[in-house]
């Protein structure tokens, strides 16, 4: 929570540098992350239950948001169409999973999480391909969106296989170990966001 708060504070401090509403909405998504973590803590304290529902609701908001965010910064029409398909498929997967397979209150909706993350990673790679083939390659650190996408990748690339391992092989992992891994990944992600707020330049708007 504190890492997201710190990153969100940098977003507010450097709000004047953000090039457009796409970047500003991303800052709001960081604050949503901090609010969700705080809500999860209170939910567990009040109900005595694991905060699966809080995590699932957050996931159902943030993953489609990331898909739409990536669509908004993609330049090629065919890549935007891929994002549209990903968004539609994710919504269908949520409906099917909640209707027939998993309970939003009793467990993490892992099926939707895995599907959404794979789509986000694919779209992130498409964005980086476009970026590396554009004139911005010479000033890559100056665009805030590169740092946003890098932060997403730094968190989700290792987090997805880690979650798969928890589900299939490491179900008995100690809670402290789990917390340390999540903390480390959050450090990577939010550090990338903070570097972006500091180093980016407003004129680079994609």
N, C-alpha and C. Protein backbone atom coordinates (compact mmCIF):
# COMPACT_ATOMS: atom_id res chain seq x y z
N UNK A 1 0.83 -1.20 0.00
CA UNK A 1 0.00 0.00 0.00
C UNK A 1 0.86 1.25 0.00
N UNK A 2 1.93 1.25 0.84
CA UNK A 2 2.76 2.45 0.95
C UNK A 2 3.51 2.74 -0.34
N UNK A 3 3.89 1.68 -1.06
CA UNK A 3 4.57 1.88 -2.34
C UNK A 3 3.64 2.54 -3.35
N UNK A 4 2.40 2.06 -3.40
CA UNK A 4 1.43 2.67 -4.31
C UNK A 4 1.13 4.11 -3.91
N UNK A 5 1.05 4.36 -2.60
CA UNK A 5 0.84 5.73 -2.13
C UNK A 5 2.00 6.63 -2.53
N UNK A 6 3.22 6.13 -2.38
CA UNK A 6 4.39 6.91 -2.75
C UNK A 6 4.39 7.21 -4.24
N UNK A 7 4.14 6.18 -5.03
CA UNK A 7 4.08 6.36 -6.48
C UNK A 7 2.96 7.32 -6.86
N UNK A 8 1.80 7.16 -6.21
CA UNK A 8 0.68 8.06 -6.49
C UNK A 8 1.00 9.50 -6.13
N UNK A 9 1.74 9.70 -5.03
CA UNK A 9 2.13 11.05 -4.64
C UNK A 9 3.05 11.68 -5.69
N UNK A 10 3.98 10.89 -6.22
CA UNK A 10 4.83 11.41 -7.30
C UNK A 10 3.98 11.77 -8.51
N UNK A 11 2.96 10.96 -8.77
CA UNK A 11 2.06 11.27 -9.88
C UNK A 11 1.36 12.61 -9.70
N UNK A 12 0.96 12.90 -8.46
CA UNK A 12 0.31 14.18 -8.18
C UNK A 12 1.32 15.33 -8.28
N UNK A 13 2.51 15.11 -7.72
CA UNK A 13 3.55 16.16 -7.75
C UNK A 13 3.91 16.54 -9.18
N UNK A 14 4.00 15.52 -10.05
CA UNK A 14 4.39 15.76 -11.44
C UNK A 14 3.19 15.75 -12.38
N UNK A 15 2.01 15.99 -11.82
CA UNK A 15 0.78 16.02 -12.62
C UNK A 15 0.89 16.99 -13.79
N UNK A 16 1.56 18.11 -13.55
CA UNK A 16 1.69 19.14 -14.59
C UNK A 16 2.48 18.65 -15.80
N UNK A 17 3.28 17.60 -15.62
CA UNK A 17 4.09 17.07 -16.72
C UNK A 17 3.34 16.02 -17.55
N UNK A 18 2.23 15.53 -17.03
CA UNK A 18 1.54 14.45 -17.73
C UNK A 18 0.97 14.98 -19.04
N UNK A 19 1.18 14.25 -20.13
CA UNK A 19 0.87 14.81 -21.45
C UNK A 19 -0.60 14.86 -21.81
N UNK A 20 -1.42 13.98 -21.24
CA UNK A 20 -2.83 13.94 -21.63
C UNK A 20 -3.63 13.15 -20.59
N UNK A 21 -4.91 12.99 -20.87
CA UNK A 21 -5.80 12.31 -19.93
C UNK A 21 -5.45 10.83 -19.77
N UNK A 22 -4.85 10.23 -20.79
CA UNK A 22 -4.46 8.82 -20.67
C UNK A 22 -3.48 8.64 -19.52
N UNK A 23 -2.52 9.55 -19.43
CA UNK A 23 -1.54 9.48 -18.35
C UNK A 23 -2.17 9.81 -17.00
N UNK A 24 -3.08 10.77 -16.99
CA UNK A 24 -3.72 11.17 -15.73
C UNK A 24 -4.61 10.06 -15.18
N UNK A 25 -5.32 9.37 -16.07
CA UNK A 25 -6.14 8.25 -15.61
C UNK A 25 -5.26 7.13 -15.06
N UNK A 26 -4.06 6.98 -15.62
CA UNK A 26 -3.17 5.95 -15.10
C UNK A 26 -2.76 6.26 -13.67
N UNK A 27 -2.51 7.54 -13.39
CA UNK A 27 -2.19 7.93 -12.01
C UNK A 27 -3.36 7.59 -11.08
N UNK A 28 -4.56 7.81 -11.55
CA UNK A 28 -5.73 7.46 -10.74
C UNK A 28 -5.80 5.96 -10.49
N UNK A 29 -5.35 5.17 -11.46
CA UNK A 29 -5.34 3.71 -11.27
C UNK A 29 -4.34 3.30 -10.19
N UNK A 30 -3.26 4.07 -10.06
CA UNK A 30 -2.29 3.80 -8.99
C UNK A 30 -2.93 4.07 -7.63
N UNK A 31 -3.67 5.17 -7.54
CA UNK A 31 -4.38 5.47 -6.29
C UNK A 31 -5.46 4.43 -6.00
N UNK A 32 -6.08 3.91 -7.05
CA UNK A 32 -7.06 2.84 -6.85
C UNK A 32 -6.40 1.61 -6.24
N UNK A 33 -5.19 1.32 -6.67
CA UNK A 33 -4.44 0.19 -6.11
C UNK A 33 -4.20 0.38 -4.62
N UNK A 34 -3.78 1.59 -4.24
CA UNK A 34 -3.54 1.88 -2.82
C UNK A 34 -4.84 1.77 -2.02
N UNK A 35 -5.92 2.30 -2.57
CA UNK A 35 -7.21 2.24 -1.89
C UNK A 35 -7.69 0.80 -1.74
N UNK A 36 -7.44 -0.02 -2.75
CA UNK A 36 -7.85 -1.42 -2.69
C UNK A 36 -7.10 -2.17 -1.60
N UNK A 37 -5.79 -1.92 -1.50
CA UNK A 37 -5.01 -2.58 -0.45
C UNK A 37 -5.52 -2.19 0.93
N UNK A 38 -5.83 -0.91 1.11
CA UNK A 38 -6.36 -0.45 2.39
C UNK A 38 -7.72 -1.07 2.67
N UNK A 39 -8.57 -1.14 1.65
CA UNK A 39 -9.89 -1.75 1.80
C UNK A 39 -9.76 -3.22 2.17
N UNK A 40 -8.81 -3.90 1.55
CA UNK A 40 -8.60 -5.32 1.84
C UNK A 40 -8.22 -5.55 3.30
N UNK A 41 -7.39 -4.66 3.83
CA UNK A 41 -6.99 -4.78 5.24
C UNK A 41 -8.20 -4.62 6.16
N UNK A 42 -9.00 -3.58 5.91
CA UNK A 42 -10.18 -3.35 6.73
C UNK A 42 -11.21 -4.46 6.57
N UNK A 43 -11.34 -4.98 5.35
CA UNK A 43 -12.30 -6.05 5.10
C UNK A 43 -11.96 -7.28 5.94
N UNK A 44 -10.69 -7.63 5.98
CA UNK A 44 -10.26 -8.79 6.76
C UNK A 44 -10.45 -8.55 8.25
N UNK A 45 -10.13 -7.35 8.70
CA UNK A 45 -10.27 -7.04 10.13
C UNK A 45 -11.74 -7.05 10.57
N UNK A 46 -12.61 -6.56 9.71
CA UNK A 46 -14.02 -6.45 10.07
C UNK A 46 -14.75 -7.79 9.96
N UNK A 47 -14.47 -8.52 8.87
CA UNK A 47 -15.22 -9.76 8.61
C UNK A 47 -14.51 -11.00 9.12
N UNK A 48 -13.19 -10.90 9.31
CA UNK A 48 -12.43 -12.08 9.70
C UNK A 48 -12.21 -13.05 8.55
N UNK A 49 -12.52 -12.62 7.34
CA UNK A 49 -12.38 -13.47 6.16
C UNK A 49 -11.21 -13.00 5.29
N UNK A 50 -10.69 -13.93 4.51
CA UNK A 50 -9.67 -13.56 3.53
C UNK A 50 -10.31 -12.64 2.49
N UNK A 51 -9.58 -11.61 2.08
CA UNK A 51 -10.18 -10.58 1.23
C UNK A 51 -10.20 -10.96 -0.25
N UNK A 52 -10.68 -12.16 -0.54
CA UNK A 52 -10.79 -12.60 -1.93
C UNK A 52 -11.68 -11.66 -2.74
N UNK A 53 -12.81 -11.28 -2.14
CA UNK A 53 -13.77 -10.47 -2.88
C UNK A 53 -13.16 -9.12 -3.27
N UNK A 54 -12.42 -8.51 -2.35
CA UNK A 54 -11.80 -7.22 -2.64
C UNK A 54 -10.80 -7.35 -3.78
N UNK A 55 -9.97 -8.40 -3.71
CA UNK A 55 -8.99 -8.62 -4.78
C UNK A 55 -9.68 -8.87 -6.11
N UNK A 56 -10.73 -9.68 -6.10
CA UNK A 56 -11.42 -10.00 -7.35
C UNK A 56 -12.06 -8.77 -7.97
N UNK A 57 -12.71 -7.95 -7.14
CA UNK A 57 -13.33 -6.73 -7.67
C UNK A 57 -12.27 -5.82 -8.28
N UNK A 58 -11.15 -5.68 -7.57
CA UNK A 58 -10.05 -4.87 -8.10
C UNK A 58 -9.56 -5.42 -9.43
N UNK A 59 -9.40 -6.74 -9.50
CA UNK A 59 -8.94 -7.38 -10.72
C UNK A 59 -9.90 -7.14 -11.88
N UNK A 60 -11.22 -7.21 -11.59
CA UNK A 60 -12.22 -7.01 -12.64
C UNK A 60 -12.25 -5.56 -13.13
N UNK A 61 -11.66 -4.66 -12.36
CA UNK A 61 -11.56 -3.26 -12.78
C UNK A 61 -10.23 -2.99 -13.47
N UNK A 62 -9.13 -3.41 -12.83
CA UNK A 62 -7.81 -2.98 -13.29
C UNK A 62 -7.37 -3.69 -14.56
N UNK A 63 -7.69 -4.97 -14.71
CA UNK A 63 -7.23 -5.68 -15.91
C UNK A 63 -7.89 -5.16 -17.19
N UNK A 64 -9.21 -5.01 -17.22
CA UNK A 64 -9.79 -4.40 -18.44
C UNK A 64 -9.34 -2.95 -18.64
N UNK A 65 -9.09 -2.24 -17.52
CA UNK A 65 -8.56 -0.88 -17.68
C UNK A 65 -7.20 -0.91 -18.36
N UNK A 66 -6.33 -1.81 -17.93
CA UNK A 66 -5.01 -1.92 -18.57
C UNK A 66 -5.15 -2.24 -20.06
N UNK A 67 -6.09 -3.11 -20.40
CA UNK A 67 -6.30 -3.44 -21.81
C UNK A 67 -6.70 -2.19 -22.60
N UNK A 68 -7.63 -1.42 -22.05
CA UNK A 68 -8.07 -0.20 -22.73
C UNK A 68 -6.96 0.85 -22.76
N UNK A 69 -6.19 0.92 -21.68
CA UNK A 69 -5.06 1.86 -21.65
C UNK A 69 -4.05 1.52 -22.75
N UNK A 70 -3.71 0.24 -22.86
CA UNK A 70 -2.76 -0.17 -23.88
C UNK A 70 -3.31 0.07 -25.28
N UNK A 71 -4.60 -0.16 -25.45
CA UNK A 71 -5.22 0.15 -26.74
C UNK A 71 -5.05 1.63 -27.08
N UNK A 72 -5.19 2.49 -26.08
CA UNK A 72 -5.14 3.93 -26.33
C UNK A 72 -3.75 4.42 -26.73
N UNK A 73 -2.70 3.68 -26.35
CA UNK A 73 -1.35 4.11 -26.71
C UNK A 73 -0.77 3.33 -27.88
N UNK A 74 -1.49 2.32 -28.33
CA UNK A 74 -1.08 1.63 -29.55
C UNK A 74 -1.38 2.51 -30.75
N UNK A 75 -0.52 2.48 -31.75
CA UNK A 75 -0.67 3.35 -32.91
C UNK A 75 -1.25 2.64 -34.13
N UNK A 76 -0.91 1.39 -34.31
CA UNK A 76 -1.34 0.69 -35.51
C UNK A 76 -2.78 0.20 -35.35
N UNK A 77 -3.63 0.45 -36.35
CA UNK A 77 -5.04 0.03 -36.27
C UNK A 77 -5.22 -1.46 -36.00
N UNK A 78 -4.39 -2.30 -36.60
CA UNK A 78 -4.55 -3.74 -36.40
C UNK A 78 -4.24 -4.13 -34.95
N UNK A 79 -3.33 -3.40 -34.33
CA UNK A 79 -3.02 -3.67 -32.93
C UNK A 79 -4.16 -3.20 -32.03
N UNK A 80 -4.79 -2.10 -32.40
CA UNK A 80 -5.96 -1.64 -31.65
C UNK A 80 -7.10 -2.65 -31.75
N UNK A 81 -7.23 -3.27 -32.91
CA UNK A 81 -8.26 -4.29 -33.08
C UNK A 81 -7.97 -5.51 -32.20
N UNK A 82 -6.70 -5.85 -32.08
CA UNK A 82 -6.32 -6.95 -31.18
C UNK A 82 -6.74 -6.61 -29.75
N UNK A 83 -6.53 -5.35 -29.36
CA UNK A 83 -6.93 -4.92 -28.02
C UNK A 83 -8.44 -5.01 -27.84
N UNK A 84 -9.19 -4.64 -28.87
CA UNK A 84 -10.65 -4.75 -28.79
C UNK A 84 -11.09 -6.19 -28.57
N UNK A 85 -10.45 -7.10 -29.29
CA UNK A 85 -10.77 -8.53 -29.14
C UNK A 85 -10.42 -9.00 -27.73
N UNK A 86 -9.26 -8.58 -27.24
CA UNK A 86 -8.84 -8.97 -25.89
C UNK A 86 -9.84 -8.48 -24.85
N UNK A 87 -10.29 -7.25 -25.00
CA UNK A 87 -11.24 -6.68 -24.05
C UNK A 87 -12.55 -7.48 -24.05
N UNK A 88 -13.05 -7.78 -25.23
CA UNK A 88 -14.31 -8.53 -25.34
C UNK A 88 -14.15 -9.94 -24.77
N UNK A 89 -13.04 -10.59 -25.09
CA UNK A 89 -12.82 -11.95 -24.59
C UNK A 89 -12.67 -11.98 -23.08
N UNK A 90 -12.04 -10.95 -22.53
CA UNK A 90 -11.90 -10.91 -21.07
C UNK A 90 -13.27 -10.79 -20.40
N UNK A 91 -14.12 -9.92 -20.93
CA UNK A 91 -15.46 -9.77 -20.35
C UNK A 91 -16.24 -11.07 -20.45
N UNK A 92 -16.12 -11.76 -21.58
CA UNK A 92 -16.81 -13.05 -21.73
C UNK A 92 -16.26 -14.06 -20.73
N UNK A 93 -14.94 -14.06 -20.54
CA UNK A 93 -14.33 -15.01 -19.60
C UNK A 93 -14.81 -14.76 -18.18
N UNK A 94 -14.99 -13.49 -17.82
CA UNK A 94 -15.49 -13.17 -16.48
C UNK A 94 -16.91 -13.69 -16.31
N UNK A 95 -17.75 -13.46 -17.29
CA UNK A 95 -19.14 -13.92 -17.21
C UNK A 95 -19.21 -15.44 -17.09
N UNK A 96 -18.46 -16.13 -17.94
CA UNK A 96 -18.50 -17.60 -17.93
C UNK A 96 -17.93 -18.15 -16.63
N UNK A 97 -16.82 -17.58 -16.19
CA UNK A 97 -16.17 -18.09 -14.98
C UNK A 97 -17.03 -17.90 -13.75
N UNK A 98 -17.63 -16.72 -13.61
CA UNK A 98 -18.45 -16.45 -12.43
C UNK A 98 -19.78 -17.20 -12.48
N UNK A 99 -20.24 -17.49 -13.67
CA UNK A 99 -21.52 -18.21 -13.80
C UNK A 99 -21.37 -19.70 -13.54
N UNK A 100 -20.26 -20.28 -13.98
CA UNK A 100 -20.16 -21.74 -13.96
C UNK A 100 -19.03 -22.31 -13.09
N UNK A 101 -18.01 -21.52 -12.77
CA UNK A 101 -16.82 -22.15 -12.19
C UNK A 101 -16.39 -21.61 -10.83
N UNK A 102 -16.22 -20.32 -10.66
CA UNK A 102 -15.62 -19.81 -9.44
C UNK A 102 -16.52 -18.82 -8.72
N UNK A 103 -16.30 -18.73 -7.40
CA UNK A 103 -17.08 -17.85 -6.53
C UNK A 103 -16.23 -16.63 -6.18
N UNK A 104 -16.75 -15.45 -6.44
CA UNK A 104 -15.99 -14.22 -6.25
C UNK A 104 -15.67 -13.96 -4.78
N UNK A 105 -16.46 -14.55 -3.87
CA UNK A 105 -16.27 -14.31 -2.44
C UNK A 105 -15.35 -15.34 -1.81
N UNK A 106 -15.38 -16.56 -2.30
CA UNK A 106 -14.71 -17.67 -1.63
C UNK A 106 -13.31 -17.98 -2.14
N UNK A 107 -12.93 -17.44 -3.29
CA UNK A 107 -11.62 -17.77 -3.86
C UNK A 107 -11.19 -16.71 -4.85
N UNK A 108 -9.90 -16.70 -5.13
CA UNK A 108 -9.39 -15.82 -6.18
C UNK A 108 -9.86 -16.35 -7.53
N UNK A 109 -10.41 -15.48 -8.34
CA UNK A 109 -10.86 -15.88 -9.68
C UNK A 109 -9.64 -15.98 -10.58
N UNK A 110 -8.90 -17.05 -10.38
CA UNK A 110 -7.60 -17.19 -11.03
C UNK A 110 -7.72 -17.32 -12.54
N UNK A 111 -8.77 -17.98 -13.00
CA UNK A 111 -8.93 -18.16 -14.45
C UNK A 111 -8.96 -16.81 -15.16
N UNK A 112 -9.75 -15.89 -14.61
CA UNK A 112 -9.84 -14.56 -15.21
C UNK A 112 -8.53 -13.79 -15.07
N UNK A 113 -7.88 -13.96 -13.93
CA UNK A 113 -6.61 -13.30 -13.71
C UNK A 113 -5.59 -13.73 -14.76
N UNK A 114 -5.46 -15.03 -14.96
CA UNK A 114 -4.48 -15.55 -15.91
C UNK A 114 -4.78 -15.08 -17.34
N UNK A 115 -6.05 -15.14 -17.72
CA UNK A 115 -6.43 -14.71 -19.07
C UNK A 115 -6.13 -13.23 -19.26
N UNK A 116 -6.52 -12.42 -18.28
CA UNK A 116 -6.30 -10.98 -18.38
C UNK A 116 -4.83 -10.61 -18.44
N UNK A 117 -4.02 -11.26 -17.62
CA UNK A 117 -2.59 -10.95 -17.59
C UNK A 117 -1.92 -11.34 -18.90
N UNK A 118 -2.26 -12.49 -19.44
CA UNK A 118 -1.69 -12.90 -20.73
C UNK A 118 -2.02 -11.88 -21.81
N UNK A 119 -3.24 -11.39 -21.81
CA UNK A 119 -3.64 -10.37 -22.80
C UNK A 119 -2.85 -9.08 -22.60
N UNK A 120 -2.68 -8.68 -21.36
CA UNK A 120 -1.94 -7.45 -21.06
C UNK A 120 -0.48 -7.58 -21.49
N UNK A 121 0.12 -8.72 -21.22
CA UNK A 121 1.51 -8.93 -21.62
C UNK A 121 1.65 -8.91 -23.14
N UNK A 122 0.70 -9.50 -23.84
CA UNK A 122 0.73 -9.50 -25.30
C UNK A 122 0.61 -8.08 -25.85
N UNK A 123 -0.33 -7.31 -25.33
CA UNK A 123 -0.52 -5.94 -25.80
C UNK A 123 0.68 -5.06 -25.43
N UNK A 124 1.27 -5.32 -24.27
CA UNK A 124 2.47 -4.57 -23.88
C UNK A 124 3.61 -4.82 -24.85
N UNK A 125 3.75 -6.06 -25.27
CA UNK A 125 4.79 -6.39 -26.25
C UNK A 125 4.53 -5.70 -27.59
N UNK A 126 3.27 -5.63 -27.99
CA UNK A 126 2.93 -4.92 -29.22
C UNK A 126 3.30 -3.44 -29.11
N UNK A 127 3.03 -2.85 -27.95
CA UNK A 127 3.40 -1.44 -27.75
C UNK A 127 4.91 -1.25 -27.84
N UNK A 128 5.66 -2.13 -27.19
CA UNK A 128 7.12 -2.00 -27.22
C UNK A 128 7.66 -2.20 -28.63
N UNK A 129 7.05 -3.10 -29.39
CA UNK A 129 7.46 -3.29 -30.78
C UNK A 129 7.25 -2.00 -31.58
N UNK A 130 6.10 -1.38 -31.38
CA UNK A 130 5.84 -0.11 -32.07
C UNK A 130 6.84 0.96 -31.62
N UNK A 131 7.09 1.01 -30.33
CA UNK A 131 7.99 2.03 -29.79
C UNK A 131 9.41 1.86 -30.33
N UNK A 132 9.89 0.63 -30.35
CA UNK A 132 11.26 0.38 -30.79
C UNK A 132 11.42 0.59 -32.30
N UNK A 133 10.31 0.58 -33.03
CA UNK A 133 10.37 0.82 -34.47
C UNK A 133 9.99 2.25 -34.84
N UNK A 134 9.92 3.13 -33.84
CA UNK A 134 9.54 4.51 -34.09
C UNK A 134 10.71 5.45 -33.80
N UNK A 135 10.49 6.71 -34.06
CA UNK A 135 11.53 7.71 -33.78
C UNK A 135 11.77 7.90 -32.29
N UNK A 136 10.82 7.47 -31.47
CA UNK A 136 10.96 7.64 -30.03
C UNK A 136 12.03 6.74 -29.42
N UNK A 137 12.54 5.80 -30.18
CA UNK A 137 13.54 4.89 -29.65
C UNK A 137 14.76 5.65 -29.14
N UNK A 138 15.03 6.82 -29.72
CA UNK A 138 16.19 7.61 -29.32
C UNK A 138 15.94 8.42 -28.05
N UNK A 139 14.68 8.54 -27.67
CA UNK A 139 14.34 9.30 -26.46
C UNK A 139 13.32 8.53 -25.64
N UNK A 140 13.57 7.25 -25.49
CA UNK A 140 12.57 6.35 -24.91
C UNK A 140 12.26 6.71 -23.46
N UNK A 141 13.26 7.20 -22.74
CA UNK A 141 13.03 7.51 -21.33
C UNK A 141 12.19 8.77 -21.14
N UNK A 142 11.95 9.49 -22.23
CA UNK A 142 11.21 10.75 -22.13
C UNK A 142 9.70 10.57 -22.23
N UNK A 143 9.24 9.38 -22.61
CA UNK A 143 7.80 9.15 -22.70
C UNK A 143 7.30 8.42 -21.47
N UNK A 144 6.33 8.99 -20.81
CA UNK A 144 5.80 8.42 -19.57
C UNK A 144 5.18 7.06 -19.80
N UNK A 145 4.65 6.84 -21.00
CA UNK A 145 3.95 5.59 -21.26
C UNK A 145 4.92 4.41 -21.31
N UNK A 146 6.14 4.63 -21.73
CA UNK A 146 7.14 3.56 -21.67
C UNK A 146 7.33 3.09 -20.24
N UNK A 147 7.43 4.03 -19.32
CA UNK A 147 7.65 3.68 -17.91
C UNK A 147 6.43 3.00 -17.31
N UNK A 148 5.24 3.41 -17.71
CA UNK A 148 4.03 2.74 -17.24
C UNK A 148 4.01 1.28 -17.70
N UNK A 149 4.27 1.08 -18.98
CA UNK A 149 4.25 -0.28 -19.53
C UNK A 149 5.37 -1.12 -18.93
N UNK A 150 6.54 -0.52 -18.77
CA UNK A 150 7.65 -1.25 -18.15
C UNK A 150 7.28 -1.69 -16.74
N UNK A 151 6.65 -0.81 -15.98
CA UNK A 151 6.23 -1.17 -14.63
C UNK A 151 5.24 -2.32 -14.62
N UNK A 152 4.29 -2.28 -15.54
CA UNK A 152 3.32 -3.38 -15.66
C UNK A 152 4.04 -4.70 -15.95
N UNK A 153 4.99 -4.66 -16.87
CA UNK A 153 5.72 -5.88 -17.23
C UNK A 153 6.58 -6.38 -16.07
N UNK A 154 7.24 -5.46 -15.38
CA UNK A 154 8.10 -5.87 -14.26
C UNK A 154 7.31 -6.57 -13.16
N UNK A 155 6.05 -6.20 -13.02
CA UNK A 155 5.22 -6.85 -12.00
C UNK A 155 4.61 -8.15 -12.52
N UNK A 156 3.96 -8.09 -13.67
CA UNK A 156 3.13 -9.21 -14.09
C UNK A 156 3.91 -10.34 -14.76
N UNK A 157 5.04 -10.05 -15.40
CA UNK A 157 5.80 -11.13 -16.04
C UNK A 157 6.23 -12.18 -15.01
N UNK A 158 6.81 -11.79 -13.86
CA UNK A 158 7.13 -12.82 -12.86
C UNK A 158 5.93 -13.23 -12.00
N UNK A 159 4.94 -12.33 -11.86
CA UNK A 159 3.83 -12.62 -10.95
C UNK A 159 2.93 -13.73 -11.47
N UNK A 160 2.70 -13.77 -12.77
CA UNK A 160 1.82 -14.82 -13.31
C UNK A 160 2.39 -16.21 -13.08
N UNK A 161 3.66 -16.50 -13.45
CA UNK A 161 4.18 -17.84 -13.15
C UNK A 161 4.25 -18.13 -11.65
N UNK A 162 4.48 -17.09 -10.86
CA UNK A 162 4.47 -17.28 -9.41
C UNK A 162 3.10 -17.73 -8.93
N UNK A 163 2.05 -17.10 -9.43
CA UNK A 163 0.70 -17.48 -9.05
C UNK A 163 0.35 -18.88 -9.57
N UNK A 164 0.83 -19.20 -10.76
CA UNK A 164 0.63 -20.56 -11.28
C UNK A 164 1.30 -21.59 -10.38
N UNK A 165 2.50 -21.25 -9.92
CA UNK A 165 3.22 -22.16 -9.02
C UNK A 165 2.47 -22.33 -7.70
N UNK A 166 1.92 -21.23 -7.19
CA UNK A 166 1.15 -21.32 -5.94
C UNK A 166 -0.06 -22.23 -6.12
N UNK A 167 -0.67 -22.13 -7.27
CA UNK A 167 -1.89 -22.90 -7.51
C UNK A 167 -1.61 -24.39 -7.69
N UNK A 168 -0.47 -24.70 -8.31
CA UNK A 168 -0.21 -26.09 -8.68
C UNK A 168 0.88 -26.78 -7.85
N UNK A 169 1.89 -26.02 -7.41
CA UNK A 169 3.04 -26.68 -6.78
C UNK A 169 3.36 -26.18 -5.38
N UNK A 170 3.14 -24.90 -5.11
CA UNK A 170 3.63 -24.29 -3.87
C UNK A 170 2.50 -23.87 -2.95
N UNK A 171 1.48 -24.68 -2.86
CA UNK A 171 0.31 -24.30 -2.06
C UNK A 171 0.66 -24.13 -0.58
N UNK A 172 1.76 -24.74 -0.13
CA UNK A 172 2.13 -24.64 1.27
C UNK A 172 3.16 -23.57 1.56
N UNK A 173 3.36 -22.64 0.64
CA UNK A 173 4.36 -21.60 0.83
C UNK A 173 4.01 -20.73 2.04
N UNK A 174 5.04 -20.34 2.78
CA UNK A 174 4.83 -19.53 3.98
C UNK A 174 4.34 -18.14 3.59
N UNK A 175 3.44 -17.60 4.40
CA UNK A 175 2.85 -16.30 4.10
C UNK A 175 3.90 -15.20 4.03
N UNK A 176 4.94 -15.31 4.86
CA UNK A 176 6.00 -14.30 4.85
C UNK A 176 6.73 -14.29 3.52
N UNK A 177 7.02 -15.47 2.99
CA UNK A 177 7.68 -15.57 1.69
C UNK A 177 6.82 -14.96 0.59
N UNK A 178 5.54 -15.27 0.63
CA UNK A 178 4.60 -14.71 -0.35
C UNK A 178 4.60 -13.19 -0.27
N UNK A 179 4.54 -12.66 0.94
CA UNK A 179 4.49 -11.20 1.12
C UNK A 179 5.77 -10.53 0.63
N UNK A 180 6.91 -11.17 0.87
CA UNK A 180 8.18 -10.60 0.42
C UNK A 180 8.26 -10.54 -1.10
N UNK A 181 7.79 -11.59 -1.76
CA UNK A 181 7.81 -11.61 -3.22
C UNK A 181 6.90 -10.52 -3.79
N UNK A 182 5.71 -10.41 -3.24
CA UNK A 182 4.78 -9.37 -3.69
C UNK A 182 5.36 -7.99 -3.44
N UNK A 183 5.99 -7.81 -2.29
CA UNK A 183 6.60 -6.52 -1.97
C UNK A 183 7.70 -6.18 -2.97
N UNK A 184 8.55 -7.15 -3.29
CA UNK A 184 9.65 -6.92 -4.23
C UNK A 184 9.11 -6.55 -5.61
N UNK A 185 8.08 -7.25 -6.07
CA UNK A 185 7.51 -6.94 -7.38
C UNK A 185 6.86 -5.56 -7.38
N UNK A 186 6.24 -5.20 -6.27
CA UNK A 186 5.66 -3.85 -6.17
C UNK A 186 6.74 -2.77 -6.17
N UNK A 187 7.88 -3.08 -5.56
CA UNK A 187 9.01 -2.14 -5.60
C UNK A 187 9.43 -1.91 -7.05
N UNK A 188 9.57 -2.98 -7.81
CA UNK A 188 9.98 -2.85 -9.21
C UNK A 188 8.97 -2.02 -10.00
N UNK A 189 7.70 -2.35 -9.85
CA UNK A 189 6.67 -1.67 -10.63
C UNK A 189 6.58 -0.19 -10.27
N UNK A 190 6.49 0.11 -9.00
CA UNK A 190 6.30 1.50 -8.59
C UNK A 190 7.56 2.34 -8.78
N UNK A 191 8.73 1.70 -8.70
CA UNK A 191 9.96 2.42 -9.01
C UNK A 191 9.98 2.85 -10.47
N UNK A 192 9.50 1.98 -11.34
CA UNK A 192 9.40 2.33 -12.76
C UNK A 192 8.45 3.51 -12.95
N UNK A 193 7.32 3.47 -12.28
CA UNK A 193 6.37 4.58 -12.38
C UNK A 193 7.00 5.89 -11.91
N UNK A 194 7.71 5.82 -10.78
CA UNK A 194 8.32 7.03 -10.21
C UNK A 194 9.39 7.59 -11.15
N UNK A 195 10.23 6.71 -11.70
CA UNK A 195 11.23 7.17 -12.67
C UNK A 195 10.54 7.87 -13.84
N UNK A 196 9.42 7.31 -14.27
CA UNK A 196 8.69 7.91 -15.37
C UNK A 196 8.19 9.30 -15.04
N UNK A 197 7.64 9.47 -13.85
CA UNK A 197 7.16 10.79 -13.45
C UNK A 197 8.30 11.81 -13.42
N UNK A 198 9.47 11.37 -12.99
CA UNK A 198 10.60 12.29 -12.84
C UNK A 198 11.25 12.60 -14.19
N UNK A 199 11.48 11.58 -15.00
CA UNK A 199 12.29 11.73 -16.20
C UNK A 199 11.51 12.09 -17.46
N UNK A 200 10.23 11.79 -17.49
CA UNK A 200 9.48 11.98 -18.74
C UNK A 200 9.30 13.46 -19.06
N UNK A 201 8.99 13.71 -20.32
CA UNK A 201 8.76 15.07 -20.80
C UNK A 201 7.35 15.15 -21.39
N UNK A 202 6.71 16.27 -21.16
CA UNK A 202 5.30 16.40 -21.49
C UNK A 202 5.02 16.27 -22.98
N UNK A 203 5.95 16.68 -23.81
CA UNK A 203 5.66 16.70 -25.25
C UNK A 203 5.59 15.30 -25.86
N UNK A 204 6.07 14.29 -25.13
CA UNK A 204 6.00 12.92 -25.64
C UNK A 204 4.69 12.31 -25.14
N UNK A 205 3.69 12.29 -26.00
CA UNK A 205 2.34 11.96 -25.57
C UNK A 205 1.88 10.59 -26.05
N UNK A 206 2.78 9.71 -26.45
CA UNK A 206 2.38 8.34 -26.82
C UNK A 206 3.56 7.42 -26.62
